[in-house]
Amino acid sequence: MGKCKDITRLLSDALERKLGMREWLAVGAHLPTCSGCRNFRKHIGLLRAASRAMSGLDDIDDPETRGR
């Protein structure tokens, strides 16, 4: 493992499930050397945050806004 296709798949999978130790090691070894995969990780994080904000899921997790 270590190709960009494999790493981006693992980064996507990490949004849905816990990755195993070997998977995290592969990601951790690859990211410092690949700006494309680092950008992918950044962008999926931004997309997830935007999606959660638009759906109102952030309000469910935030005790200060719960019940409003």
PDB file of N, CA and C in Angstrom:
ATOM      1  N   MET A   1       0.849  -1.180   0.000  1.00  0.00           N
ATOM      2  CA  MET A   1       0.000   0.000   0.000  1.00  0.00           C
ATOM      3  C   MET A   1       0.892   1.240   0.000  1.00  0.00           C
ATOM      4  N   GLY A   2       0.373   2.352  -0.437  1.00  0.00           N
ATOM      5  CA  GLY A   2       1.144   3.564  -0.435  1.00  0.00           C
ATOM      6  C   GLY A   2       0.885   4.419  -1.640  1.00  0.00           C
ATOM      7  N   LYS A   3       0.256   3.868  -2.642  1.00  0.00           N
ATOM      8  CA  LYS A   3      -0.076   4.661  -3.813  1.00  0.00           C
ATOM      9  C   LYS A   3      -1.192   5.639  -3.444  1.00  0.00           C
ATOM     10  N   CYS A   4      -1.228   6.733  -4.180  1.00  0.00           N
ATOM     11  CA  CYS A   4      -2.220   7.772  -3.888  1.00  0.00           C
ATOM     12  C   CYS A   4      -3.649   7.230  -3.907  1.00  0.00           C
ATOM     13  N   LYS A   5      -3.953   6.357  -4.839  1.00  0.00           N
ATOM     14  CA  LYS A   5      -5.302   5.798  -4.912  1.00  0.00           C
ATOM     15  C   LYS A   5      -5.645   5.073  -3.616  1.00  0.00           C
ATOM     16  N   ASP A   6      -4.717   4.303  -3.100  1.00  0.00           N
ATOM     17  CA  ASP A   6      -4.948   3.570  -1.855  1.00  0.00           C
ATOM     18  C   ASP A   6      -5.084   4.513  -0.665  1.00  0.00           C
ATOM     19  N   ILE A   7      -4.249   5.524  -0.632  1.00  0.00           N
ATOM     20  CA  ILE A   7      -4.262   6.461   0.502  1.00  0.00           C
ATOM     21  C   ILE A   7      -5.543   7.294   0.502  1.00  0.00           C
ATOM     22  N   THR A   8      -5.957   7.788  -0.647  1.00  0.00           N
ATOM     23  CA  THR A   8      -7.195   8.581  -0.685  1.00  0.00           C
ATOM     24  C   THR A   8      -8.391   7.717  -0.315  1.00  0.00           C
ATOM     25  N   ARG A   9      -8.363   6.446  -0.691  1.00  0.00           N
ATOM     26  CA  ARG A   9      -9.453   5.541  -0.289  1.00  0.00           C
ATOM     27  C   ARG A   9      -9.456   5.378   1.230  1.00  0.00           C
ATOM     28  N   LEU A  10      -8.290   5.223   1.827  1.00  0.00           N
ATOM     29  CA  LEU A  10      -8.217   5.102   3.287  1.00  0.00           C
ATOM     30  C   LEU A  10      -8.681   6.377   3.980  1.00  0.00           C
ATOM     31  N   LEU A  11      -8.307   7.526   3.433  1.00  0.00           N
ATOM     32  CA  LEU A  11      -8.751   8.790   4.024  1.00  0.00           C
ATOM     33  C   LEU A  11     -10.267   8.910   3.962  1.00  0.00           C
ATOM     34  N   SER A  12     -10.852   8.468   2.880  1.00  0.00           N
ATOM     35  CA  SER A  12     -12.314   8.466   2.764  1.00  0.00           C
ATOM     36  C   SER A  12     -12.931   7.464   3.724  1.00  0.00           C
ATOM     37  N   ASP A  13     -12.340   6.276   3.782  1.00  0.00           N
ATOM     38  CA  ASP A  13     -12.848   5.243   4.692  1.00  0.00           C
ATOM     39  C   ASP A  13     -12.812   5.707   6.140  1.00  0.00           C
ATOM     40  N   ALA A  14     -11.799   6.498   6.493  1.00  0.00           N
ATOM     41  CA  ALA A  14     -11.647   6.962   7.870  1.00  0.00           C
ATOM     42  C   ALA A  14     -12.819   7.828   8.321  1.00  0.00           C
ATOM     43  N   LEU A  15     -13.571   8.380   7.378  1.00  0.00           N
ATOM     44  CA  LEU A  15     -14.755   9.160   7.729  1.00  0.00           C
ATOM     45  C   LEU A  15     -15.895   8.253   8.178  1.00  0.00           C
ATOM     46  N   GLU A  16     -15.859   6.992   7.769  1.00  0.00           N
ATOM     47  CA  GLU A  16     -16.948   6.062   8.027  1.00  0.00           C
ATOM     48  C   GLU A  16     -16.621   5.000   9.074  1.00  0.00           C
ATOM     49  N   ARG A  17     -15.327   4.707   9.241  1.00  0.00           N
ATOM     50  CA  ARG A  17     -14.947   3.629  10.154  1.00  0.00           C
ATOM     51  C   ARG A  17     -13.580   3.928  10.757  1.00  0.00           C
ATOM     52  N   LYS A  18     -13.244   3.198  11.800  1.00  0.00           N
ATOM     53  CA  LYS A  18     -11.919   3.329  12.401  1.00  0.00           C
ATOM     54  C   LYS A  18     -10.929   2.535  11.560  1.00  0.00           C
ATOM     55  N   LEU A  19      -9.833   3.171  11.219  1.00  0.00           N
ATOM     56  CA  LEU A  19      -8.796   2.478  10.466  1.00  0.00           C
ATOM     57  C   LEU A  19      -7.932   1.670  11.420  1.00  0.00           C
ATOM     58  N   GLY A  20      -7.382   0.574  10.900  1.00  0.00           N
ATOM     59  CA  GLY A  20      -6.474  -0.246  11.685  1.00  0.00           C
ATOM     60  C   GLY A  20      -5.098   0.388  11.778  1.00  0.00           C
ATOM     61  N   MET A  21      -4.274  -0.146  12.641  1.00  0.00           N
ATOM     62  CA  MET A  21      -2.929   0.382  12.851  1.00  0.00           C
ATOM     63  C   MET A  21      -2.119   0.375  11.555  1.00  0.00           C
ATOM     64  N   ARG A  22      -2.159  -0.705  10.813  1.00  0.00           N
ATOM     65  CA  ARG A  22      -1.409  -0.805   9.560  1.00  0.00           C
ATOM     66  C   ARG A  22      -1.886   0.246   8.549  1.00  0.00           C
ATOM     67  N   GLU A  23      -3.193   0.477   8.530  1.00  0.00           N
ATOM     68  CA  GLU A  23      -3.740   1.482   7.612  1.00  0.00           C
ATOM     69  C   GLU A  23      -3.260   2.879   7.991  1.00  0.00           C
ATOM     70  N   TRP A  24      -3.310   3.208   9.300  1.00  0.00           N
ATOM     71  CA  TRP A  24      -2.838   4.525   9.745  1.00  0.00           C
ATOM     72  C   TRP A  24      -1.346   4.704   9.488  1.00  0.00           C
ATOM     73  N   LEU A  25      -0.585   3.637   9.648  1.00  0.00           N
ATOM     74  CA  LEU A  25       0.849   3.718   9.360  1.00  0.00           C
ATOM     75  C   LEU A  25       1.096   4.009   7.884  1.00  0.00           C
ATOM     76  N   ALA A  26       0.323   3.384   7.009  1.00  0.00           N
ATOM     77  CA  ALA A  26       0.461   3.633   5.569  1.00  0.00           C
ATOM     78  C   ALA A  26       0.133   5.087   5.244  1.00  0.00           C
ATOM     79  N   VAL A  27      -0.947   5.591   5.831  1.00  0.00           N
ATOM     80  CA  VAL A  27      -1.336   6.989   5.608  1.00  0.00           C
ATOM     81  C   VAL A  27      -0.257   7.916   6.160  1.00  0.00           C
ATOM     82  N   GLY A  28       0.189   7.646   7.371  1.00  0.00           N
ATOM     83  CA  GLY A  28       1.196   8.491   8.014  1.00  0.00           C
ATOM     84  C   GLY A  28       2.528   8.509   7.293  1.00  0.00           C
ATOM     85  N   ALA A  29       2.877   7.404   6.667  1.00  0.00           N
ATOM     86  CA  ALA A  29       4.131   7.350   5.909  1.00  0.00           C
ATOM     87  C   ALA A  29       4.014   8.064   4.569  1.00  0.00           C
ATOM     88  N   HIS A  30       2.820   8.078   4.009  1.00  0.00           N
ATOM     89  CA  HIS A  30       2.627   8.647   2.670  1.00  0.00           C
ATOM     90  C   HIS A  30       2.405  10.163   2.689  1.00  0.00           C
ATOM     91  N   LEU A  31       1.632  10.652   3.633  1.00  0.00           N
ATOM     92  CA  LEU A  31       1.232  12.069   3.619  1.00  0.00           C
ATOM     93  C   LEU A  31       2.391  13.065   3.630  1.00  0.00           C
ATOM     94  N   PRO A  32       3.465  12.832   4.383  1.00  0.00           N
ATOM     95  CA  PRO A  32       4.547  13.818   4.381  1.00  0.00           C
ATOM     96  C   PRO A  32       5.210  14.004   3.011  1.00  0.00           C
ATOM     97  N   THR A  33       5.076  13.028   2.154  1.00  0.00           N
ATOM     98  CA  THR A  33       5.747  13.106   0.851  1.00  0.00           C
ATOM     99  C   THR A  33       4.811  13.429  -0.296  1.00  0.00           C
ATOM    100  N   CYS A  34       3.510  13.598  -0.028  1.00  0.00           N
ATOM    101  CA  CYS A  34       2.557  13.771  -1.126  1.00  0.00           C
ATOM    102  C   CYS A  34       1.610  14.940  -0.870  1.00  0.00           C
ATOM    103  N   SER A  35       1.857  16.036  -1.532  1.00  0.00           N
ATOM    104  CA  SER A  35       1.002  17.215  -1.344  1.00  0.00           C
ATOM    105  C   SER A  35      -0.399  16.982  -1.897  1.00  0.00           C
ATOM    106  N   GLY A  36      -0.528  16.154  -2.922  1.00  0.00           N
ATOM    107  CA  GLY A  36      -1.846  15.854  -3.484  1.00  0.00           C
ATOM    108  C   GLY A  36      -2.749  15.166  -2.476  1.00  0.00           C
ATOM    109  N   CYS A  37      -2.219  14.189  -1.772  1.00  0.00           N
ATOM    110  CA  CYS A  37      -3.013  13.480  -0.759  1.00  0.00           C
ATOM    111  C   CYS A  37      -3.270  14.360   0.462  1.00  0.00           C
ATOM    112  N   ARG A  38      -2.315  15.217   0.812  1.00  0.00           N
ATOM    113  CA  ARG A  38      -2.565  16.158   1.919  1.00  0.00           C
ATOM    114  C   ARG A  38      -3.693  17.110   1.536  1.00  0.00           C
ATOM    115  N   ASN A  39      -3.707  17.580   0.300  1.00  0.00           N
ATOM    116  CA  ASN A  39      -4.794  18.446  -0.157  1.00  0.00           C
ATOM    117  C   ASN A  39      -6.122  17.709  -0.165  1.00  0.00           C
ATOM    118  N   PHE A  40      -6.103  16.444  -0.588  1.00  0.00           N
ATOM    119  CA  PHE A  40      -7.327  15.645  -0.575  1.00  0.00           C
ATOM    120  C   PHE A  40      -7.879  15.544   0.847  1.00  0.00           C
ATOM    121  N   ARG A  41      -7.003  15.254   1.808  1.00  0.00           N
ATOM    122  CA  ARG A  41      -7.429  15.146   3.212  1.00  0.00           C
ATOM    123  C   ARG A  41      -8.039  16.464   3.684  1.00  0.00           C
ATOM    124  N   LYS A  42      -7.399  17.561   3.337  1.00  0.00           N
ATOM    125  CA  LYS A  42      -7.907  18.877   3.728  1.00  0.00           C
ATOM    126  C   LYS A  42      -9.284  19.131   3.122  1.00  0.00           C
ATOM    127  N   HIS A  43      -9.435  18.819   1.845  1.00  0.00           N
ATOM    128  CA  HIS A  43     -10.697  19.103   1.160  1.00  0.00           C
ATOM    129  C   HIS A  43     -11.836  18.211   1.635  1.00  0.00           C
ATOM    130  N   ILE A  44     -11.577  16.943   1.903  1.00  0.00           N
ATOM    131  CA  ILE A  44     -12.678  16.114   2.398  1.00  0.00           C
ATOM    132  C   ILE A  44     -13.089  16.556   3.794  1.00  0.00           C
ATOM    133  N   GLY A  45     -12.138  17.073   4.560  1.00  0.00           N
ATOM    134  CA  GLY A  45     -12.486  17.615   5.871  1.00  0.00           C
ATOM    135  C   GLY A  45     -13.371  18.846   5.755  1.00  0.00           C
ATOM    136  N   LEU A  46     -13.035  19.714   4.818  1.00  0.00           N
ATOM    137  CA  LEU A  46     -13.852  20.910   4.598  1.00  0.00           C
ATOM    138  C   LEU A  46     -15.240  20.547   4.091  1.00  0.00           C
ATOM    139  N   LEU A  47     -15.312  19.584   3.167  1.00  0.00           N
ATOM    140  CA  LEU A  47     -16.605  19.148   2.654  1.00  0.00           C
ATOM    141  C   LEU A  47     -17.460  18.524   3.745  1.00  0.00           C
ATOM    142  N   ARG A  48     -16.841  17.750   4.603  1.00  0.00           N
ATOM    143  CA  ARG A  48     -17.592  17.132   5.686  1.00  0.00           C
ATOM    144  C   ARG A  48     -18.124  18.188   6.646  1.00  0.00           C
ATOM    145  N   ALA A  49     -17.287  19.155   6.988  1.00  0.00           N
ATOM    146  CA  ALA A  49     -17.714  20.219   7.896  1.00  0.00           C
ATOM    147  C   ALA A  49     -18.858  21.033   7.282  1.00  0.00           C
ATOM    148  N   ALA A  50     -18.742  21.342   6.004  1.00  0.00           N
ATOM    149  CA  ALA A  50     -19.796  22.104   5.329  1.00  0.00           C
ATOM    150  C   ALA A  50     -21.087  21.303   5.268  1.00  0.00           C
ATOM    151  N   SER A  51     -20.978  20.030   4.973  1.00  0.00           N
ATOM    152  CA  SER A  51     -22.155  19.168   4.910  1.00  0.00           C
ATOM    153  C   SER A  51     -22.850  19.076   6.259  1.00  0.00           C
ATOM    154  N   ARG A  52     -22.055  18.899   7.308  1.00  0.00           N
ATOM    155  CA  ARG A  52     -22.629  18.812   8.651  1.00  0.00           C
ATOM    156  C   ARG A  52     -23.295  20.136   9.037  1.00  0.00           C
ATOM    157  N   ALA A  53     -22.669  21.242   8.691  1.00  0.00           N
ATOM    158  CA  ALA A  53     -23.236  22.547   9.023  1.00  0.00           C
ATOM    159  C   ALA A  53     -24.557  22.776   8.286  1.00  0.00           C
ATOM    160  N   MET A  54     -24.596  22.393   7.014  1.00  0.00           N
ATOM    161  CA  MET A  54     -25.814  22.596   6.228  1.00  0.00           C
ATOM    162  C   MET A  54     -26.950  21.675   6.688  1.00  0.00           C
ATOM    163  N   SER A  55     -26.613  20.506   7.180  1.00  0.00           N
ATOM    164  CA  SER A  55     -27.640  19.556   7.601  1.00  0.00           C
ATOM    165  C   SER A  55     -28.100  19.797   9.033  1.00  0.00           C
ATOM    166  N   GLY A  56     -27.373  20.615   9.762  1.00  0.00           N
ATOM    167  CA  GLY A  56     -27.713  20.884  11.148  1.00  0.00           C
ATOM    168  C   GLY A  56     -27.145  19.869  12.122  1.00  0.00           C
ATOM    169  N   LEU A  57     -26.317  18.944  11.646  1.00  0.00           N
ATOM    170  CA  LEU A  57     -25.750  17.927  12.533  1.00  0.00           C
ATOM    171  C   LEU A  57     -24.832  18.535  13.582  1.00  0.00           C
ATOM    172  N   ASP A  58     -24.178  19.641  13.265  1.00  0.00           N
ATOM    173  CA  ASP A  58     -23.312  20.269  14.257  1.00  0.00           C
ATOM    174  C   ASP A  58     -24.118  20.727  15.469  1.00  0.00           C
ATOM    175  N   ASP A  59     -25.356  21.153  15.241  1.00  0.00           N
ATOM    176  CA  ASP A  59     -26.193  21.590  16.348  1.00  0.00           C
ATOM    177  C   ASP A  59     -26.523  20.442  17.284  1.00  0.00           C
ATOM    178  N   ILE A  60     -26.661  19.237  16.760  1.00  0.00           N
ATOM    179  CA  ILE A  60     -26.984  18.078  17.570  1.00  0.00           C
ATOM    180  C   ILE A  60     -25.821  17.760  18.520  1.00  0.00           C
ATOM    181  N   ASP A  61     -24.590  17.926  18.023  1.00  0.00           N
ATOM    182  CA  ASP A  61     -23.403  17.601  18.815  1.00  0.00           C
ATOM    183  C   ASP A  61     -23.017  18.706  19.789  1.00  0.00           C
ATOM    184  N   ASP A  62     -23.538  19.899  19.592  1.00  0.00           N
ATOM    185  CA  ASP A  62     -23.150  21.047  20.411  1.00  0.00           C
ATOM    186  C   ASP A  62     -24.148  21.229  21.550  1.00  0.00           C
ATOM    187  N   PRO A  63     -23.734  21.002  22.805  1.00  0.00           N
ATOM    188  CA  PRO A  63     -24.666  21.106  23.928  1.00  0.00           C
ATOM    189  C   PRO A  63     -25.247  22.500  24.097  1.00  0.00           C
ATOM    190  N   GLU A  64     -24.562  23.526  23.647  1.00  0.00           N
ATOM    191  CA  GLU A  64     -25.057  24.895  23.807  1.00  0.00           C
ATOM    192  C   GLU A  64     -26.226  25.192  22.891  1.00  0.00           C
ATOM    193  N   THR A  65     -26.295  24.512  21.728  1.00  0.00           N
ATOM    194  CA  THR A  65     -27.382  24.787  20.785  1.00  0.00           C
ATOM    195  C   THR A  65     -28.440  23.698  20.803  1.00  0.00           C
ATOM    196  N   ARG A  66     -28.252  22.665  21.591  1.00  0.00           N
ATOM    197  CA  ARG A  66     -29.200  21.576  21.661  1.00  0.00           C
ATOM    198  C   ARG A  66     -30.534  22.089  22.226  1.00  0.00           C
ATOM    199  N   GLY A  67     -31.607  21.704  21.586  1.00  0.00           N
ATOM    200  CA  GLY A  67     -32.920  22.075  22.071  1.00  0.00           C
ATOM    201  C   GLY A  67     -33.424  23.414  21.562  1.00  0.00           C
ATOM    202  N   ARG A  68     -32.672  24.059  20.699  1.00  0.00           N
ATOM    203  CA  ARG A  68     -33.143  25.344  20.169  1.00  0.00           C
ATOM    204  C   ARG A  68     -34.068  25.140  19.011  1.00  0.00           C
TER     205      ARG A  68
END
